[in-house]
Amino acid sequence: MGNRLFFIFATEPPTLLIIIATEPKIDTYVEMEPIETNQLSEDEFESEDFGEEESNEKPFDPSKVDVTITTPNLGALISRLDNDEIDLMPDFQRSSDLWSKQDQSRLIESILIRLPIPAFYFDACEDAKWQVVDGLQRLSAINNFVLKKNLVLKNLEFLTD
């Protein structure tokens, strides 16, 4: 099975739009010599000319990308969280608990009043366990509120007692 990347967009909360892209063989790359981090300062790096004519960039073949669009509801995403089918701690991500309780509360409030929320991005190379590429803090807030039930909403802007 090829690499799959899921793009999930909130269209009309609590509805989500999922785009599944499958690329059986990645053939877009740029070959560059490895650069050790201590070799260039930030200013030197930004001014460095990597010379486009020297790169071995090959365009990717769009015909090899299989895109499937589905529109599940928010419950489907919560179900995947509940069944441990979404990895909230991939190695390449920061910690999942960076948002304050207020930030998490505001996200939940946005969902409750049906405001659109930004897209979630997943690496779905393994269908049984998606890895969060973007949206970890938002998913963690949803998980804390809906499943763990350890988030008490506070300092809301629109929904009040």
N, C-alpha and C. Protein backbone atom coordinates (compact mmCIF):
# COMPACT_ATOMS: atom_id res chain seq x y z
N MET A 1 0.86 -1.18 0.00
CA MET A 1 0.00 0.00 0.00
C MET A 1 0.90 1.23 0.00
N GLY A 2 0.53 2.25 -0.73
CA GLY A 2 1.32 3.46 -0.82
C GLY A 2 1.12 4.36 0.38
N ASN A 3 1.86 5.45 0.39
CA ASN A 3 1.70 6.43 1.45
C ASN A 3 0.40 7.17 1.25
N ARG A 4 -0.31 7.40 2.34
CA ARG A 4 -1.56 8.14 2.25
C ARG A 4 -1.50 9.29 3.23
N LEU A 5 -1.98 10.42 2.79
CA LEU A 5 -2.04 11.59 3.64
C LEU A 5 -3.48 12.06 3.64
N PHE A 6 -4.05 12.21 4.81
CA PHE A 6 -5.43 12.64 4.93
C PHE A 6 -5.45 14.13 5.23
N PHE A 7 -6.29 14.85 4.54
CA PHE A 7 -6.52 16.26 4.82
C PHE A 7 -7.96 16.35 5.31
N ILE A 8 -8.17 16.83 6.50
CA ILE A 8 -9.52 16.91 7.03
C ILE A 8 -9.85 18.37 7.27
N PHE A 9 -10.94 18.82 6.69
CA PHE A 9 -11.38 20.20 6.82
C PHE A 9 -12.74 20.21 7.48
N ALA A 10 -12.95 21.14 8.37
CA ALA A 10 -14.30 21.32 8.91
C ALA A 10 -15.07 22.15 7.91
N THR A 11 -16.19 21.64 7.45
CA THR A 11 -16.98 22.39 6.47
C THR A 11 -18.12 23.09 7.15
N GLU A 12 -19.00 22.37 7.73
CA GLU A 12 -20.08 22.96 8.52
C GLU A 12 -20.11 22.17 9.81
N PRO A 13 -19.42 22.63 10.84
CA PRO A 13 -19.34 21.84 12.07
C PRO A 13 -20.71 21.37 12.49
N PRO A 14 -20.79 20.14 12.95
CA PRO A 14 -19.71 19.20 13.22
C PRO A 14 -19.37 18.28 12.05
N THR A 15 -19.51 18.73 10.82
CA THR A 15 -19.18 17.93 9.65
C THR A 15 -17.75 18.20 9.23
N LEU A 16 -17.04 17.17 8.80
CA LEU A 16 -15.66 17.29 8.36
C LEU A 16 -15.56 16.82 6.92
N LEU A 17 -14.60 17.34 6.20
CA LEU A 17 -14.30 16.89 4.85
C LEU A 17 -12.94 16.24 4.89
N ILE A 18 -12.84 15.00 4.45
CA ILE A 18 -11.56 14.30 4.45
C ILE A 18 -11.15 14.07 3.01
N ILE A 19 -9.93 14.45 2.69
CA ILE A 19 -9.35 14.16 1.38
C ILE A 19 -8.23 13.16 1.63
N ILE A 20 -8.27 12.04 0.94
CA ILE A 20 -7.27 11.00 1.11
C ILE A 20 -6.41 10.99 -0.15
N ALA A 21 -5.13 11.24 0.00
CA ALA A 21 -4.23 11.24 -1.14
C ALA A 21 -3.30 10.04 -1.01
N THR A 22 -3.22 9.23 -2.04
CA THR A 22 -2.36 8.06 -2.04
C THR A 22 -1.28 8.26 -3.09
N GLU A 23 -0.06 8.08 -2.69
CA GLU A 23 1.07 8.22 -3.60
C GLU A 23 1.88 6.93 -3.48
N PRO A 24 1.75 6.00 -4.43
CA PRO A 24 2.46 4.73 -4.31
C PRO A 24 3.97 4.88 -4.37
N LYS A 25 4.45 5.88 -5.07
CA LYS A 25 5.90 6.07 -5.18
C LYS A 25 6.17 7.56 -5.24
N ILE A 26 6.92 8.04 -4.29
CA ILE A 26 7.27 9.46 -4.29
C ILE A 26 8.40 9.64 -5.30
N ASP A 27 8.21 10.47 -6.29
CA ASP A 27 9.29 10.72 -7.24
C ASP A 27 9.56 12.21 -7.39
N THR A 28 9.23 12.97 -6.36
CA THR A 28 9.61 14.37 -6.32
C THR A 28 10.65 14.51 -5.22
N TYR A 29 11.81 14.91 -5.57
CA TYR A 29 12.83 15.08 -4.55
C TYR A 29 13.88 16.05 -5.06
N VAL A 30 14.62 16.57 -4.13
CA VAL A 30 15.75 17.43 -4.46
C VAL A 30 16.95 16.85 -3.74
N GLU A 31 17.98 16.51 -4.48
CA GLU A 31 19.18 15.98 -3.86
C GLU A 31 20.07 17.15 -3.45
N MET A 32 20.46 17.15 -2.20
CA MET A 32 21.34 18.19 -1.68
C MET A 32 22.38 17.53 -0.79
N GLU A 33 23.53 18.13 -0.71
CA GLU A 33 24.54 17.65 0.21
C GLU A 33 24.07 17.92 1.63
N PRO A 34 24.28 16.99 2.55
CA PRO A 34 23.89 17.25 3.93
C PRO A 34 24.66 18.43 4.49
N ILE A 35 23.99 19.25 5.26
CA ILE A 35 24.62 20.42 5.89
C ILE A 35 24.51 20.23 7.38
N GLU A 36 25.64 20.24 8.06
CA GLU A 36 25.58 20.15 9.51
C GLU A 36 25.13 21.49 10.04
N THR A 37 24.36 21.45 11.12
CA THR A 37 23.76 22.68 11.63
C THR A 37 24.80 23.69 12.08
N ASN A 38 25.99 23.24 12.45
CA ASN A 38 26.99 24.20 12.91
C ASN A 38 27.83 24.77 11.77
N GLN A 39 27.57 24.37 10.54
CA GLN A 39 28.37 24.86 9.42
C GLN A 39 27.95 26.24 8.96
N LEU A 40 26.68 26.56 9.01
CA LEU A 40 26.20 27.85 8.54
C LEU A 40 25.42 28.54 9.64
N SER A 41 25.65 29.85 9.76
CA SER A 41 24.81 30.61 10.67
C SER A 41 23.46 30.81 9.98
N GLU A 42 22.47 31.29 10.72
CA GLU A 42 21.14 31.51 10.14
C GLU A 42 21.22 32.51 8.99
N ASP A 43 21.99 33.60 9.17
CA ASP A 43 22.13 34.61 8.11
C ASP A 43 22.82 34.02 6.89
N GLU A 44 23.86 33.22 7.11
CA GLU A 44 24.54 32.60 5.99
C GLU A 44 23.62 31.63 5.25
N PHE A 45 22.84 30.87 6.02
CA PHE A 45 21.93 29.90 5.41
C PHE A 45 20.90 30.60 4.54
N GLU A 46 20.30 31.69 5.06
CA GLU A 46 19.27 32.40 4.31
C GLU A 46 19.84 33.07 3.07
N SER A 47 21.12 33.43 3.09
CA SER A 47 21.70 34.09 1.92
C SER A 47 22.36 33.08 0.97
N GLU A 48 22.42 31.83 1.37
CA GLU A 48 23.05 30.79 0.55
C GLU A 48 22.25 30.57 -0.73
N ASP A 49 22.96 30.50 -1.86
CA ASP A 49 22.32 30.21 -3.14
C ASP A 49 22.48 28.72 -3.39
N PHE A 50 21.39 28.00 -3.34
CA PHE A 50 21.45 26.56 -3.54
C PHE A 50 21.37 26.19 -5.02
N GLY A 51 21.26 27.17 -5.88
CA GLY A 51 21.33 26.96 -7.31
C GLY A 51 20.31 25.99 -7.86
N GLU A 52 19.21 26.52 -8.39
CA GLU A 52 18.16 25.65 -8.91
C GLU A 52 18.65 24.80 -10.07
N GLU A 53 19.58 25.34 -10.86
CA GLU A 53 20.04 24.57 -12.00
C GLU A 53 20.84 23.35 -11.58
N GLU A 54 21.33 23.33 -10.35
CA GLU A 54 22.10 22.19 -9.89
C GLU A 54 21.23 21.13 -9.22
N SER A 55 20.00 21.45 -8.90
CA SER A 55 19.16 20.48 -8.19
C SER A 55 18.69 19.39 -9.15
N ASN A 56 18.42 18.25 -8.60
CA ASN A 56 17.92 17.12 -9.37
C ASN A 56 16.42 16.98 -9.15
N GLU A 57 15.72 18.10 -9.09
CA GLU A 57 14.29 18.05 -8.83
C GLU A 57 13.57 17.44 -10.02
N LYS A 58 12.70 16.49 -9.68
CA LYS A 58 11.87 15.86 -10.70
C LYS A 58 10.43 16.15 -10.34
N PRO A 59 9.62 16.52 -11.30
CA PRO A 59 8.21 16.79 -10.98
C PRO A 59 7.49 15.50 -10.61
N PHE A 60 6.53 15.60 -9.68
CA PHE A 60 5.77 14.41 -9.34
C PHE A 60 4.70 14.19 -10.40
N ASP A 61 4.26 12.97 -10.49
CA ASP A 61 3.25 12.59 -11.47
C ASP A 61 1.88 12.62 -10.80
N PRO A 62 1.03 13.63 -11.11
CA PRO A 62 -0.28 13.72 -10.47
C PRO A 62 -1.16 12.50 -10.72
N SER A 63 -0.90 11.77 -11.80
CA SER A 63 -1.72 10.59 -12.07
C SER A 63 -1.47 9.48 -11.06
N LYS A 64 -0.36 9.57 -10.31
CA LYS A 64 -0.06 8.57 -9.30
C LYS A 64 -0.67 8.92 -7.94
N VAL A 65 -1.34 10.05 -7.86
CA VAL A 65 -1.98 10.47 -6.62
C VAL A 65 -3.46 10.15 -6.70
N ASP A 66 -3.91 9.32 -5.79
CA ASP A 66 -5.31 8.95 -5.73
C ASP A 66 -5.97 9.76 -4.62
N VAL A 67 -6.90 10.62 -4.96
CA VAL A 67 -7.56 11.47 -3.99
C VAL A 67 -9.00 11.02 -3.83
N THR A 68 -9.36 10.74 -2.59
CA THR A 68 -10.73 10.36 -2.26
C THR A 68 -11.28 11.39 -1.29
N ILE A 69 -12.46 11.89 -1.56
CA ILE A 69 -13.07 12.89 -0.69
C ILE A 69 -14.28 12.28 -0.01
N THR A 70 -14.29 12.34 1.32
CA THR A 70 -15.45 11.89 2.08
C THR A 70 -15.82 12.99 3.06
N THR A 71 -17.04 12.95 3.55
CA THR A 71 -17.50 13.96 4.49
C THR A 71 -18.11 13.29 5.71
N PRO A 72 -17.26 12.79 6.61
CA PRO A 72 -17.80 12.18 7.83
C PRO A 72 -18.18 13.26 8.83
N ASN A 73 -18.90 12.87 9.87
CA ASN A 73 -19.21 13.85 10.90
C ASN A 73 -18.12 13.83 11.97
N LEU A 74 -18.18 14.77 12.87
CA LEU A 74 -17.17 14.87 13.92
C LEU A 74 -17.14 13.60 14.77
N GLY A 75 -18.28 12.93 14.87
CA GLY A 75 -18.35 11.68 15.62
C GLY A 75 -17.41 10.62 15.10
N ALA A 76 -17.18 10.58 13.78
CA ALA A 76 -16.27 9.60 13.20
C ALA A 76 -14.84 9.84 13.68
N LEU A 77 -14.44 11.09 13.76
CA LEU A 77 -13.11 11.43 14.24
C LEU A 77 -12.99 11.10 15.73
N ILE A 78 -14.02 11.41 16.49
CA ILE A 78 -14.03 11.09 17.92
C ILE A 78 -13.99 9.58 18.13
N SER A 79 -14.68 8.83 17.28
CA SER A 79 -14.66 7.37 17.36
C SER A 79 -13.25 6.84 17.14
N ARG A 80 -12.54 7.41 16.17
CA ARG A 80 -11.16 6.98 15.94
C ARG A 80 -10.29 7.30 17.15
N LEU A 81 -10.52 8.46 17.76
CA LEU A 81 -9.78 8.80 18.99
C LEU A 81 -10.10 7.79 20.09
N ASP A 82 -11.38 7.49 20.26
CA ASP A 82 -11.83 6.58 21.32
C ASP A 82 -11.28 5.17 21.12
N ASN A 83 -11.13 4.74 19.87
CA ASN A 83 -10.62 3.41 19.57
C ASN A 83 -9.10 3.39 19.40
N ASP A 84 -8.44 4.47 19.81
CA ASP A 84 -6.98 4.59 19.74
C ASP A 84 -6.46 4.37 18.32
N GLU A 85 -7.18 4.91 17.34
CA GLU A 85 -6.79 4.79 15.94
C GLU A 85 -6.13 6.06 15.43
N ILE A 86 -5.88 7.01 16.32
CA ILE A 86 -5.15 8.22 15.98
C ILE A 86 -4.01 8.36 16.98
N ASP A 87 -2.80 8.43 16.48
CA ASP A 87 -1.62 8.57 17.32
C ASP A 87 -1.46 10.03 17.72
N LEU A 88 -1.74 10.33 18.98
CA LEU A 88 -1.62 11.71 19.46
C LEU A 88 -0.21 12.01 19.96
N MET A 89 0.72 11.06 19.81
CA MET A 89 2.09 11.29 20.25
C MET A 89 3.11 10.81 19.23
N PRO A 90 2.99 11.23 17.94
CA PRO A 90 4.00 10.81 16.97
C PRO A 90 5.36 11.43 17.32
N ASP A 91 6.41 10.74 16.95
CA ASP A 91 7.77 11.17 17.30
C ASP A 91 8.10 12.57 16.81
N PHE A 92 7.56 12.96 15.67
CA PHE A 92 7.93 14.24 15.06
C PHE A 92 7.12 15.41 15.60
N GLN A 93 6.15 15.16 16.48
CA GLN A 93 5.29 16.22 16.99
C GLN A 93 5.80 16.75 18.33
N ARG A 94 5.40 17.98 18.62
CA ARG A 94 5.63 18.53 19.95
C ARG A 94 4.66 17.85 20.91
N SER A 95 4.72 18.23 22.16
CA SER A 95 3.81 17.68 23.16
C SER A 95 2.36 18.01 22.81
N SER A 96 1.45 17.13 23.21
CA SER A 96 0.04 17.34 22.89
C SER A 96 -0.67 18.22 23.91
N ASP A 97 0.04 18.70 24.92
CA ASP A 97 -0.62 19.48 25.98
C ASP A 97 -0.10 20.91 26.06
N LEU A 98 0.17 21.52 24.93
CA LEU A 98 0.73 22.87 24.92
C LEU A 98 -0.33 23.96 25.09
N TRP A 99 -1.55 23.69 24.72
CA TRP A 99 -2.61 24.70 24.83
C TRP A 99 -3.07 24.82 26.27
N SER A 100 -3.35 26.04 26.68
CA SER A 100 -3.91 26.28 28.00
C SER A 100 -5.35 25.77 28.04
N LYS A 101 -5.90 25.65 29.24
CA LYS A 101 -7.30 25.24 29.40
C LYS A 101 -8.22 26.25 28.71
N GLN A 102 -7.85 27.52 28.75
CA GLN A 102 -8.67 28.55 28.10
C GLN A 102 -8.66 28.37 26.58
N ASP A 103 -7.48 28.12 26.01
CA ASP A 103 -7.39 27.90 24.56
C ASP A 103 -8.22 26.69 24.14
N GLN A 104 -8.13 25.62 24.92
CA GLN A 104 -8.92 24.42 24.63
C GLN A 104 -10.42 24.72 24.74
N SER A 105 -10.78 25.48 25.76
CA SER A 105 -12.19 25.85 25.97
C SER A 105 -12.72 26.65 24.79
N ARG A 106 -11.90 27.56 24.29
CA ARG A 106 -12.33 28.40 23.17
C ARG A 106 -12.54 27.58 21.91
N LEU A 107 -11.68 26.57 21.70
CA LEU A 107 -11.88 25.70 20.54
C LEU A 107 -13.20 24.94 20.66
N ILE A 108 -13.45 24.37 21.82
CA ILE A 108 -14.69 23.62 22.03
C ILE A 108 -15.89 24.54 21.85
N GLU A 109 -15.77 25.77 22.35
CA GLU A 109 -16.85 26.74 22.17
C GLU A 109 -17.08 27.00 20.68
N SER A 110 -16.02 27.14 19.92
CA SER A 110 -16.14 27.36 18.47
C SER A 110 -16.89 26.22 17.81
N ILE A 111 -16.58 25.00 18.21
CA ILE A 111 -17.28 23.84 17.64
C ILE A 111 -18.75 23.86 18.04
N LEU A 112 -19.01 24.16 19.31
CA LEU A 112 -20.39 24.16 19.80
C LEU A 112 -21.27 25.21 19.13
N ILE A 113 -20.66 26.35 18.78
CA ILE A 113 -21.46 27.39 18.11
C ILE A 113 -21.34 27.29 16.59
N ARG A 114 -20.76 26.17 16.13
CA ARG A 114 -20.72 25.82 14.72
C ARG A 114 -19.85 26.73 13.86
N LEU A 115 -18.75 27.22 14.44
CA LEU A 115 -17.78 27.96 13.65
C LEU A 115 -16.86 26.96 12.96
N PRO A 116 -16.41 27.27 11.74
CA PRO A 116 -15.47 26.36 11.07
C PRO A 116 -14.14 26.32 11.83
N ILE A 117 -13.52 25.17 11.85
CA ILE A 117 -12.21 25.04 12.47
C ILE A 117 -11.21 24.66 11.38
N PRO A 118 -9.92 24.95 11.60
CA PRO A 118 -8.92 24.63 10.57
C PRO A 118 -8.84 23.13 10.28
N ALA A 119 -8.21 22.82 9.17
CA ALA A 119 -8.07 21.43 8.72
C ALA A 119 -7.18 20.62 9.66
N PHE A 120 -7.44 19.33 9.71
CA PHE A 120 -6.56 18.37 10.36
C PHE A 120 -5.82 17.64 9.24
N TYR A 121 -4.56 17.33 9.45
CA TYR A 121 -3.78 16.58 8.47
C TYR A 121 -3.25 15.33 9.15
N PHE A 122 -3.41 14.18 8.48
CA PHE A 122 -2.97 12.91 9.03
C PHE A 122 -2.10 12.17 8.03
N ASP A 123 -1.10 11.46 8.52
CA ASP A 123 -0.37 10.48 7.73
C ASP A 123 -1.09 9.17 7.99
N ALA A 124 -1.66 8.61 6.95
CA ALA A 124 -2.45 7.39 7.11
C ALA A 124 -1.82 6.22 6.37
N CYS A 125 -0.49 6.13 6.44
CA CYS A 125 0.18 4.98 5.81
C CYS A 125 -0.37 3.69 6.38
N GLU A 126 -0.70 3.71 7.66
CA GLU A 126 -1.34 2.57 8.30
C GLU A 126 -2.78 2.96 8.59
N ASP A 127 -3.72 2.30 7.96
CA ASP A 127 -5.13 2.66 8.15
C ASP A 127 -5.57 2.47 9.59
N ALA A 128 -4.97 1.50 10.28
CA ALA A 128 -5.37 1.21 11.65
C ALA A 128 -4.92 2.29 12.63
N LYS A 129 -3.93 3.09 12.26
CA LYS A 129 -3.40 4.10 13.19
C LYS A 129 -2.91 5.30 12.40
N TRP A 130 -3.71 6.38 12.37
CA TRP A 130 -3.31 7.61 11.70
C TRP A 130 -2.37 8.37 12.61
N GLN A 131 -1.39 9.04 12.00
CA GLN A 131 -0.50 9.93 12.74
C GLN A 131 -0.89 11.37 12.44
N VAL A 132 -0.97 12.18 13.48
CA VAL A 132 -1.36 13.57 13.31
C VAL A 132 -0.17 14.34 12.74
N VAL A 133 -0.38 14.97 11.58
CA VAL A 133 0.64 15.83 10.98
C VAL A 133 0.38 17.27 11.41
N ASP A 134 -0.87 17.69 11.38
CA ASP A 134 -1.24 19.03 11.84
C ASP A 134 -2.61 18.96 12.50
N GLY A 135 -2.72 19.61 13.64
CA GLY A 135 -3.99 19.64 14.36
C GLY A 135 -3.92 18.93 15.70
N LEU A 136 -2.71 18.64 16.16
CA LEU A 136 -2.54 17.89 17.40
C LEU A 136 -3.17 18.59 18.60
N GLN A 137 -2.96 19.89 18.74
CA GLN A 137 -3.52 20.60 19.90
C GLN A 137 -5.05 20.60 19.84
N ARG A 138 -5.59 20.78 18.64
CA ARG A 138 -7.05 20.78 18.50
C ARG A 138 -7.64 19.40 18.81
N LEU A 139 -7.00 18.35 18.29
CA LEU A 139 -7.48 16.99 18.58
C LEU A 139 -7.36 16.67 20.06
N SER A 140 -6.29 17.12 20.68
CA SER A 140 -6.11 16.88 22.11
C SER A 140 -7.19 17.58 22.92
N ALA A 141 -7.56 18.79 22.52
CA ALA A 141 -8.63 19.52 23.21
C ALA A 141 -9.95 18.77 23.07
N ILE A 142 -10.24 18.30 21.87
CA ILE A 142 -11.48 17.53 21.64
C ILE A 142 -11.45 16.25 22.48
N ASN A 143 -10.31 15.58 22.48
CA ASN A 143 -10.15 14.35 23.26
C ASN A 143 -10.34 14.63 24.76
N ASN A 144 -9.74 15.70 25.26
CA ASN A 144 -9.86 16.05 26.68
C ASN A 144 -11.30 16.34 27.06
N PHE A 145 -12.03 17.02 26.19
CA PHE A 145 -13.40 17.42 26.52
C PHE A 145 -14.39 16.27 26.35
N VAL A 146 -14.31 15.58 25.22
CA VAL A 146 -15.33 14.58 24.90
C VAL A 146 -15.04 13.22 25.53
N LEU A 147 -13.81 12.76 25.45
CA LEU A 147 -13.51 11.39 25.89
C LEU A 147 -12.94 11.32 27.30
N LYS A 148 -11.91 12.10 27.57
CA LYS A 148 -11.32 12.07 28.91
C LYS A 148 -12.18 12.79 29.94
N LYS A 149 -12.98 13.73 29.46
CA LYS A 149 -13.87 14.52 30.31
C LYS A 149 -13.12 15.24 31.43
N ASN A 150 -11.89 15.67 31.13
CA ASN A 150 -11.11 16.39 32.13
C ASN A 150 -10.93 17.87 31.78
N LEU A 151 -11.70 18.34 30.82
CA LEU A 151 -11.65 19.76 30.45
C LEU A 151 -12.97 20.41 30.84
N VAL A 152 -12.89 21.34 31.77
CA VAL A 152 -14.05 22.13 32.17
C VAL A 152 -13.96 23.44 31.40
N LEU A 153 -14.99 23.76 30.64
CA LEU A 153 -14.98 24.97 29.83
C LEU A 153 -14.99 26.19 30.73
N LYS A 154 -14.09 27.15 30.42
CA LYS A 154 -14.03 28.37 31.21
C LYS A 154 -13.62 29.54 30.33
N ASN A 155 -13.96 30.74 30.79
CA ASN A 155 -13.61 31.98 30.08
C ASN A 155 -14.09 31.96 28.63
N LEU A 156 -15.31 31.51 28.42
CA LEU A 156 -15.86 31.46 27.07
C LEU A 156 -16.29 32.85 26.63
N GLU A 157 -16.26 33.07 25.34
CA GLU A 157 -16.59 34.38 24.79
C GLU A 157 -18.08 34.52 24.49
N PHE A 158 -18.70 33.47 23.99
CA PHE A 158 -20.10 33.55 23.54
C PHE A 158 -21.06 32.75 24.42
N LEU A 159 -20.66 31.57 24.82
CA LEU A 159 -21.51 30.73 25.65
C LEU A 159 -21.22 31.04 27.12
N THR A 160 -22.22 31.49 27.82
CA THR A 160 -22.03 31.83 29.23
C THR A 160 -23.04 31.06 30.06
N ASP A 161 -22.87 31.14 31.38
CA ASP A 161 -23.78 30.42 32.29
C ASP A 161 -25.16 30.75 32.03
